[in-house]
C-alpha atoms as a PDB file:
ATOM      1  CA  MET A   1     122.134-225.334 118.411  1.00  0.00           C
ATOM      2  CA  LEU A   2     119.915-226.801 121.140  1.00  0.00           C
ATOM      3  CA  LEU A   3     118.383-230.264 120.754  1.00  0.00           C
ATOM      4  CA  LYS A   4     114.857-228.790 120.721  1.00  0.00           C
ATOM      5  CA  THR A   5     115.817-226.633 117.746  1.00  0.00           C
ATOM      6  CA  GLN A   6     117.249-229.602 115.846  1.00  0.00           C
ATOM      7  CA  LEU A   7     114.181-231.733 116.555  1.00  0.00           C
ATOM      8  CA  SER A   8     111.874-228.917 115.484  1.00  0.00           C
ATOM      9  CA  MET A   9     113.690-228.464 112.161  1.00  0.00           C
ATOM     10  CA  PHE A  10     113.700-232.251 111.590  1.00  0.00           C
ATOM     11  CA  ALA A  11     109.961-232.412 112.269  1.00  0.00           C
ATOM     12  CA  ARG A  12     109.284-229.670 109.748  1.00  0.00           C
ATOM     13  CA  ALA A  13     111.341-231.501 107.148  1.00  0.00           C
ATOM     14  CA  VAL A  14     109.400-234.741 107.811  1.00  0.00           C
ATOM     15  CA  LYS A  15     106.125-232.833 107.349  1.00  0.00           C
ATOM     16  CA  GLY A  16     107.278-231.849 103.876  1.00  0.00           C
ATOM     17  CA  ILE A  17     108.010-228.198 104.538  1.00  0.00           C
ATOM     18  CA  PRO A  18     110.717-227.327 101.975  1.00  0.00           C
ATOM     19  CA  MET A  19     114.174-226.613 103.308  1.00  0.00           C
ATOM     20  CA  PRO A  20     116.597-224.306 101.454  1.00  0.00           C
ATOM     21  CA  ARG A  21     119.249-226.123  99.410  1.00  0.00           C
ATOM     22  CA  GLY A  22     121.898-223.616 100.443  1.00  0.00           C
ATOM     23  CA  CYS A  23     122.470-220.997 103.103  1.00  0.00           C
ATOM     24  CA  ALA A  24     119.341-218.844 103.388  1.00  0.00           C
ATOM     25  CA  VAL A  25     121.567-215.773 103.740  1.00  0.00           C
ATOM     26  CA  CYS A  26     124.445-216.193 101.263  1.00  0.00           C
ATOM     27  CA  GLY A  27     123.465-219.279  99.235  1.00  0.00           C
ATOM     28  CA  ARG A  28     126.506-221.383 100.110  1.00  0.00           C
ATOM     29  CA  ARG A  29     126.260-225.074 100.993  1.00  0.00           C
ATOM     30  CA  CYS A  30     125.007-226.063 104.451  1.00  0.00           C
ATOM     31  CA  HIS A  31     125.296-229.348 106.357  1.00  0.00           C
ATOM     32  CA  GLY A  32     122.412-231.556 107.456  1.00  0.00           C
ATOM     33  CA  PHE A  33     119.296-229.636 108.408  1.00  0.00           C
ATOM     34  CA  GLU A  34     121.127-226.353 108.856  1.00  0.00           C
ATOM     35  CA  ILE A  35     119.740-223.450 106.822  1.00  0.00           C
ATOM     36  CA  VAL A  36     122.500-220.945 107.671  1.00  0.00           C
ATOM     37  CA  CYS A  37     126.128-221.787 106.810  1.00  0.00           C
ATOM     38  CA  SER A  38     128.857-221.791 109.439  1.00  0.00           C
ATOM     39  CA  ASP A  39     130.430-218.625 108.021  1.00  0.00           C
ATOM     40  CA  CYS A  40     127.188-216.627 108.254  1.00  0.00           C
ATOM     41  CA  GLN A  41     126.498-218.078 111.701  1.00  0.00           C
ATOM     42  CA  GLN A  42     129.888-216.842 112.903  1.00  0.00           C
ATOM     43  CA  LYS A  43     129.288-213.374 111.459  1.00  0.00           C
ATOM     44  CA  LEU A  44     125.848-213.284 113.107  1.00  0.00           C
ATOM     45  CA  ASN A  45     127.404-214.339 116.417  1.00  0.00           C
ATOM     46  CA  ASN A  46     129.848-211.437 116.132  1.00  0.00           C
ATOM     47  CA  LEU A  47     126.886-209.055 115.905  1.00  0.00           C
ATOM     48  CA  ARG A  48     125.191-210.389 119.037  1.00  0.00           C
ATOM     49  CA  PHE A  49     125.012-208.074 122.000  1.00  0.00           C
ATOM     50  CA  VAL A  50     127.015-208.517 125.169  1.00  0.00           C
ATOM     51  CA  LYS A  51     123.914-207.564 127.156  1.00  0.00           C
ATOM     52  CA  HIS A  52     120.747-208.264 125.205  1.00  0.00           C
ATOM     53  CA  TYR A  53     118.275-206.294 127.300  1.00  0.00           C
ATOM     54  CA  MET A  54     117.494-202.808 128.531  1.00  0.00           C
ATOM     55  CA  VAL A  55     114.469-200.770 129.684  1.00  0.00           C
ATOM     56  CA  GLU A  56     112.909-198.476 127.079  1.00  0.00           C
ATOM     57  CA  LYS A  57     112.682-194.918 128.411  1.00  0.00           C
ATOM     58  CA  LYS A  58     109.233-194.033 127.039  1.00  0.00           C
ATOM     59  CA  SER A  59     107.304-197.262 127.567  1.00  0.00           C
ATOM     60  CA  LYS A  60     109.281-198.426 130.642  1.00  0.00           C
ATOM     61  CA  LYS A  61     109.150-201.944 129.224  1.00  0.00           C
ATOM     62  CA  ARG A  62     111.985-204.462 128.976  1.00  0.00           C
ATOM     63  CA  ILE A  63     113.476-204.787 125.502  1.00  0.00           C
ATOM     64  CA  PHE A  64     115.439-207.912 124.555  1.00  0.00           C
ATOM     65  CA  ILE A  65     117.345-207.806 121.247  1.00  0.00           C
ATOM     66  CA  LEU A  66     119.502-210.546 119.729  1.00  0.00           C
ATOM     67  CA  GLY A  67     122.004-208.314 117.920  1.00  0.00           C
ATOM     68  CA  LYS A  68     122.927-205.300 115.838  1.00  0.00           C
ATOM     69  CA  TYR A  69     120.982-204.585 112.659  1.00  0.00           C
ATOM     70  CA  ALA A  70     124.022-204.403 110.371  1.00  0.00           C
ATOM     71  CA  GLY A  71     126.137-206.581 108.091  1.00  0.00           C
ATOM     72  CA  VAL A  72     124.974-210.200 107.877  1.00  0.00           C
ATOM     73  CA  MET A  73     122.181-209.531 110.396  1.00  0.00           C
ATOM     74  CA  LYS A  74     120.721-206.928 108.040  1.00  0.00           C
ATOM     75  CA  GLN A  75     121.170-209.310 105.091  1.00  0.00           C
ATOM     76  CA  ALA A  76     119.422-212.104 106.981  1.00  0.00           C
ATOM     77  CA  ILE A  77     116.428-209.956 107.900  1.00  0.00           C
ATOM     78  CA  GLY A  78     116.267-208.679 104.330  1.00  0.00           C
ATOM     79  CA  ALA A  79     116.288-212.275 103.054  1.00  0.00           C
ATOM     80  CA  LEU A  80     113.463-213.423 105.296  1.00  0.00           C
ATOM     81  CA  LYS A  81     111.363-210.380 104.347  1.00  0.00           C
ATOM     82  CA  TYR A  82     112.057-209.992 100.631  1.00  0.00           C
ATOM     83  CA  ARG A  83     113.519-213.279  99.336  1.00  0.00           C
ATOM     84  CA  ASN A  84     110.823-215.725 100.464  1.00  0.00           C
ATOM     85  CA  GLN A  85     112.834-217.294 103.300  1.00  0.00           C
ATOM     86  CA  PRO A  86     110.240-218.138 105.989  1.00  0.00           C
ATOM     87  CA  GLU A  87     112.475-220.833 107.516  1.00  0.00           C
ATOM     88  CA  LEU A  88     115.079-218.150 108.178  1.00  0.00           C
ATOM     89  CA  ALA A  89     112.546-216.236 110.291  1.00  0.00           C
ATOM     90  CA  LEU A  90     111.916-219.428 112.281  1.00  0.00           C
ATOM     91  CA  TRP A  91     115.671-220.053 112.664  1.00  0.00           C
ATOM     92  CA  LEU A  92     116.347-216.520 113.906  1.00  0.00           C
ATOM     93  CA  GLY A  93     113.388-216.834 116.247  1.00  0.00           C
ATOM     94  CA  ARG A  94     114.908-219.971 117.754  1.00  0.00           C
ATOM     95  CA  GLU A  95     118.241-218.224 118.210  1.00  0.00           C
ATOM     96  CA  LEU A  96     116.416-215.364 119.941  1.00  0.00           C
ATOM     97  CA  GLY A  97     114.428-217.839 122.041  1.00  0.00           C
ATOM     98  CA  GLU A  98     117.585-219.608 123.236  1.00  0.00           C
ATOM     99  CA  ALA A  99     119.205-216.326 124.286  1.00  0.00           C
ATOM    100  CA  PHE A 100     116.034-215.036 125.955  1.00  0.00           C
ATOM    101  CA  GLU A 101     115.411-218.283 127.857  1.00  0.00           C
ATOM    102  CA  LYS A 102     118.925-218.078 129.355  1.00  0.00           C
ATOM    103  CA  SER A 103     118.655-214.387 130.313  1.00  0.00           C
ATOM    104  CA  PRO A 104     117.997-212.949 133.810  1.00  0.00           C
ATOM    105  CA  ILE A 105     114.773-211.301 132.624  1.00  0.00           C
ATOM    106  CA  TYR A 106     113.145-214.498 131.335  1.00  0.00           C
ATOM    107  CA  LYS A 107     110.007-215.494 133.213  1.00  0.00           C
ATOM    108  CA  PRO A 108     107.702-218.506 132.868  1.00  0.00           C
ATOM    109  CA  ASN A 109     104.116-218.214 131.615  1.00  0.00           C
ATOM    110  CA  LEU A 110     104.689-215.353 129.199  1.00  0.00           C
ATOM    111  CA  THR A 111     102.480-214.882 126.136  1.00  0.00           C
ATOM    112  CA  LEU A 112     104.149-214.186 122.780  1.00  0.00           C
ATOM    113  CA  VAL A 113     102.243-211.708 120.584  1.00  0.00           C
ATOM    114  CA  PRO A 114     103.634-210.878 117.116  1.00  0.00           C
ATOM    115  CA  ILE A 115     103.290-207.354 115.745  1.00  0.00           C
ATOM    116  CA  PRO A 116     100.701-207.533 112.930  1.00  0.00           C
ATOM    117  CA  MET A 117     101.523-206.558 109.344  1.00  0.00           C
ATOM    118  CA  ASN A 118      99.597-204.486 106.846  1.00  0.00           C
ATOM    119  CA  ARG A 119      97.180-207.003 105.311  1.00  0.00           C
ATOM    120  CA  GLU A 120      98.186-206.201 101.733  1.00  0.00           C
ATOM    121  CA  LYS A 121     101.897-206.682 102.507  1.00  0.00           C
ATOM    122  CA  GLU A 122     101.247-209.970 104.302  1.00  0.00           C
ATOM    123  CA  LEU A 123      99.216-211.341 101.386  1.00  0.00           C
ATOM    124  CA  LYS A 124     101.954-210.329  98.944  1.00  0.00           C
ATOM    125  CA  ARG A 125     104.750-211.826 101.070  1.00  0.00           C
ATOM    126  CA  GLY A 126     102.764-214.901 102.041  1.00  0.00           C
ATOM    127  CA  TYR A 127     103.557-214.688 105.741  1.00  0.00           C
ATOM    128  CA  ASN A 128     104.123-212.293 108.627  1.00  0.00           C
ATOM    129  CA  GLN A 129     107.797-212.539 109.594  1.00  0.00           C
ATOM    130  CA  ALA A 130     107.058-211.405 113.172  1.00  0.00           C
ATOM    131  CA  GLU A 131     104.643-214.314 113.568  1.00  0.00           C
ATOM    132  CA  LEU A 132     107.252-216.788 112.300  1.00  0.00           C
ATOM    133  CA  ILE A 133     109.904-215.316 114.612  1.00  0.00           C
ATOM    134  CA  ALA A 134     107.436-215.719 117.492  1.00  0.00           C
ATOM    135  CA  GLN A 135     106.872-219.330 116.425  1.00  0.00           C
ATOM    136  CA  GLY A 136     110.634-219.886 116.466  1.00  0.00           C
ATOM    137  CA  ILE A 137     110.861-218.464 119.994  1.00  0.00           C
ATOM    138  CA  HIS A 138     107.961-220.695 121.046  1.00  0.00           C
ATOM    139  CA  ASP A 139     109.743-223.749 119.557  1.00  0.00           C
ATOM    140  CA  ILE A 140     112.392-223.196 122.245  1.00  0.00           C
ATOM    141  CA  THR A 141     110.394-221.853 125.197  1.00  0.00           C
ATOM    142  CA  PHE A 142     107.222-223.966 125.043  1.00  0.00           C
ATOM    143  CA  GLY A 143     106.319-226.646 127.597  1.00  0.00           C
ATOM    144  CA  LEU A 144     105.158-226.708 131.190  1.00  0.00           C
ATOM    145  CA  GLY A 145     105.459-223.164 132.506  1.00  0.00           C
ATOM    146  CA  GLY A 146     106.785-221.987 129.153  1.00  0.00           C
ATOM    147  CA  THR A 147     105.477-219.447 126.695  1.00  0.00           C
ATOM    148  CA  ARG A 148     102.149-219.410 124.888  1.00  0.00           C
ATOM    149  CA  LEU A 149     101.766-218.067 121.368  1.00  0.00           C
ATOM    150  CA  GLU A 150      98.788-215.859 120.480  1.00  0.00           C
ATOM    151  CA  ARG A 151      99.054-215.378 116.707  1.00  0.00           C
ATOM    152  CA  ASN A 152      95.986-213.163 116.293  1.00  0.00           C
ATOM    153  CA  ALA A 153      96.004-211.197 119.533  1.00  0.00           C
ATOM    154  CA  LEU A 154      96.652-207.988 117.578  1.00  0.00           C
ATOM    155  CA  ILE A 155      95.245-207.149 114.152  1.00  0.00           C
ATOM    156  CA  ARG A 156      95.854-204.246 111.773  1.00  0.00           C
ATOM    157  CA  VAL A 157      92.859-202.022 111.146  1.00  0.00           C
ATOM    158  CA  LYS A 158      94.616-199.198 109.285  1.00  0.00           C
ATOM    159  CA  GLU A 159      97.166-199.285 106.510  1.00  0.00           C
ATOM    160  CA  THR A 160     100.292-197.207 107.168  1.00  0.00           C
ATOM    161  CA  GLN A 161     103.091-195.836 105.043  1.00  0.00           C
ATOM    162  CA  PRO A 162     106.593-197.365 105.437  1.00  0.00           C
ATOM    163  CA  LEU A 163     107.887-195.912 108.722  1.00  0.00           C
ATOM    164  CA  TYR A 164     111.521-195.576 107.626  1.00  0.00           C
ATOM    165  CA  GLN A 165     110.617-192.405 105.737  1.00  0.00           C
ATOM    166  CA  PHE A 166     109.416-190.621 108.896  1.00  0.00           C
ATOM    167  CA  GLY A 167     111.171-189.072 111.881  1.00  0.00           C
ATOM    168  CA  ALA A 168     110.441-190.333 115.394  1.00  0.00           C
ATOM    169  CA  GLU A 169     107.543-187.943 116.071  1.00  0.00           C
ATOM    170  CA  ASP A 170     105.884-188.497 112.686  1.00  0.00           C
ATOM    171  CA  ARG A 171     106.262-192.268 113.046  1.00  0.00           C
ATOM    172  CA  GLN A 172     104.124-192.182 116.171  1.00  0.00           C
ATOM    173  CA  LYS A 173     101.455-190.131 114.385  1.00  0.00           C
ATOM    174  CA  GLU A 174     101.457-192.442 111.376  1.00  0.00           C
ATOM    175  CA  ILE A 175     101.150-195.592 113.479  1.00  0.00           C
ATOM    176  CA  SER A 176      98.472-194.229 115.846  1.00  0.00           C
ATOM    177  CA  GLY A 177      95.208-196.182 115.686  1.00  0.00           C
ATOM    178  CA  CYS A 178      96.561-198.780 113.262  1.00  0.00           C
ATOM    179  CA  MET A 179      95.809-201.876 115.371  1.00  0.00           C
ATOM    180  CA  LYS A 180      93.343-203.338 117.830  1.00  0.00           C
ATOM    181  CA  VAL A 181      93.026-206.401 120.048  1.00  0.00           C
ATOM    182  CA  GLY A 182      91.861-209.399 118.042  1.00  0.00           C
ATOM    183  CA  GLN A 183      91.420-212.985 119.192  1.00  0.00           C
ATOM    184  CA  PHE A 184      93.111-213.290 122.568  1.00  0.00           C
ATOM    185  CA  ASN A 185      92.576-216.701 124.156  1.00  0.00           C
ATOM    186  CA  HIS A 186      94.909-216.663 127.124  1.00  0.00           C
ATOM    187  CA  HIS A 187      95.756-214.010 129.703  1.00  0.00           C
ATOM    188  CA  SER A 188      99.184-214.937 131.012  1.00  0.00           C
ATOM    189  CA  THR A 189      99.981-214.441 134.665  1.00  0.00           C
ATOM    190  CA  ASN A 190     103.222-212.682 133.712  1.00  0.00           C
ATOM    191  CA  GLY A 191     101.986-210.686 130.729  1.00  0.00           C
ATOM    192  CA  VAL A 192     102.605-210.320 127.033  1.00  0.00           C
ATOM    193  CA  VAL A 193     105.907-210.157 125.185  1.00  0.00           C
ATOM    194  CA  LEU A 194     105.625-208.368 121.834  1.00  0.00           C
ATOM    195  CA  VAL A 195     107.673-209.856 118.977  1.00  0.00           C
ATOM    196  CA  ASP A 196     109.016-208.050 115.901  1.00  0.00           C
ATOM    197  CA  ASP A 197     111.925-208.377 113.466  1.00  0.00           C
ATOM    198  CA  VAL A 198     113.612-204.966 113.893  1.00  0.00           C
ATOM    199  CA  TYR A 199     113.292-202.497 116.753  1.00  0.00           C
ATOM    200  CA  THR A 200     114.046-198.922 115.685  1.00  0.00           C
ATOM    201  CA  THR A 201     112.317-195.997 117.432  1.00  0.00           C
ATOM    202  CA  GLY A 202     109.803-198.219 119.216  1.00  0.00           C
ATOM    203  CA  ALA A 203     106.761-196.375 117.800  1.00  0.00           C
ATOM    204  CA  THR A 204     104.984-199.524 116.617  1.00  0.00           C
ATOM    205  CA  CYS A 205     105.571-201.385 119.867  1.00  0.00           C
ATOM    206  CA  ARG A 206     104.403-198.426 121.951  1.00  0.00           C
ATOM    207  CA  GLU A 207     101.166-198.344 119.947  1.00  0.00           C
ATOM    208  CA  ALA A 208     100.710-202.075 120.585  1.00  0.00           C
ATOM    209  CA  ILE A 209     101.404-201.577 124.291  1.00  0.00           C
ATOM    210  CA  LYS A 210      98.800-198.804 124.437  1.00  0.00           C
ATOM    211  CA  VAL A 211      96.149-200.942 122.730  1.00  0.00           C
ATOM    212  CA  LEU A 212      96.795-203.963 124.959  1.00  0.00           C
ATOM    213  CA  THR A 213      96.938-201.893 128.133  1.00  0.00           C
ATOM    214  CA  VAL A 214      93.586-200.215 127.373  1.00  0.00           C
ATOM    215  CA  ALA A 215      92.132-203.712 126.973  1.00  0.00           C
ATOM    216  CA  GLY A 216      93.476-204.676 130.398  1.00  0.00           C
ATOM    217  CA  ILE A 217      96.218-206.946 129.057  1.00  0.00           C
ATOM    218  CA  PRO A 218      99.581-206.355 130.779  1.00  0.00           C
ATOM    219  CA  VAL A 219     102.731-206.146 128.652  1.00  0.00           C
ATOM    220  CA  TYR A 220     105.974-207.487 130.104  1.00  0.00           C
ATOM    221  CA  GLY A 221     108.377-206.542 127.337  1.00  0.00           C
ATOM    222  CA  ILE A 222     109.512-206.623 123.710  1.00  0.00           C
ATOM    223  CA  LEU A 223     111.584-209.143 121.750  1.00  0.00           C
ATOM    224  CA  ALA A 224     113.250-208.422 118.401  1.00  0.00           C
ATOM    225  CA  ILE A 225     116.018-209.839 116.238  1.00  0.00           C
ATOM    226  CA  GLY A 226     117.918-206.621 115.486  1.00  0.00           C
ATOM    227  CA  THR A 227     118.183-202.931 116.331  1.00  0.00           C
ATOM    228  CA  THR A 228     120.230-199.886 115.402  1.00  0.00           C
ATOM    229  CA  ASN A 229     119.958-198.561 118.963  1.00  0.00           C
ATOM    230  CA  LYS A 230     123.456-197.524 120.060  1.00  0.00           C
ATOM    231  CA  ALA A 231     122.677-198.219 123.704  1.00  0.00           C
ATOM    232  CA  PHE A 232     123.280-201.900 122.975  1.00  0.00           C
ATOM    233  CA  LYS A 233     126.904-203.023 122.633  1.00  0.00           C
ATOM    234  CA  VAL A 234     128.001-205.842 120.306  1.00  0.00           C
ATOM    235  CA  LYS A 235     130.507-208.522 121.244  1.00  0.00           C
ATOM    236  CA  SER A 236     132.738-207.719 118.293  1.00  0.00           C
ATOM    237  CA  ILE A 237     132.539-206.689 114.645  1.00  0.00           C
END
């Protein structure tokens, strides 16, 4: 783990933000300020991609994904979404930020924009996991020439049904018109990077790209923790 990540987690602990007593994924004991045990970390590392990035055919945007949405990766994302583990979203965001910062497609002065949630779901959960992942990325990539984080650049204006129950074409119809540009304070010279937890068909991100583009805000690419896209190859399983 990078020094910036360790310092960030220490600072949050000093501020009184509660840290899990065990591994946020499996519940086993962790050391120091770690929130994911060494066993789960190793399993997550085995699900990382050899090459994290590709160009999406429909949007023509760069997509950067940490690893395969399976096994412990799927458990981890489930935990941060459904088991009240916000620190896990931050931790995964930092892991994604480290990998992205080292990649050939990283550029300075990018603006991180999280995909907005349905308001009712966010109130029930207590947080938007995409926003926390974006914060984790920003913990690593901030600084002179680094990323900026625009938390409210996109807002939901229409509730949608869970997209997993739809096919690719129906997903796009369901998501159409569900968001608009909100409070956008900074237009980056190199554009926006959208941030989400899982990238599946890309329907939600394409809708966000459309909305931002119409508003004259360029989109550089997409960042996500996991995907089921078979075009990406894992290191090992």
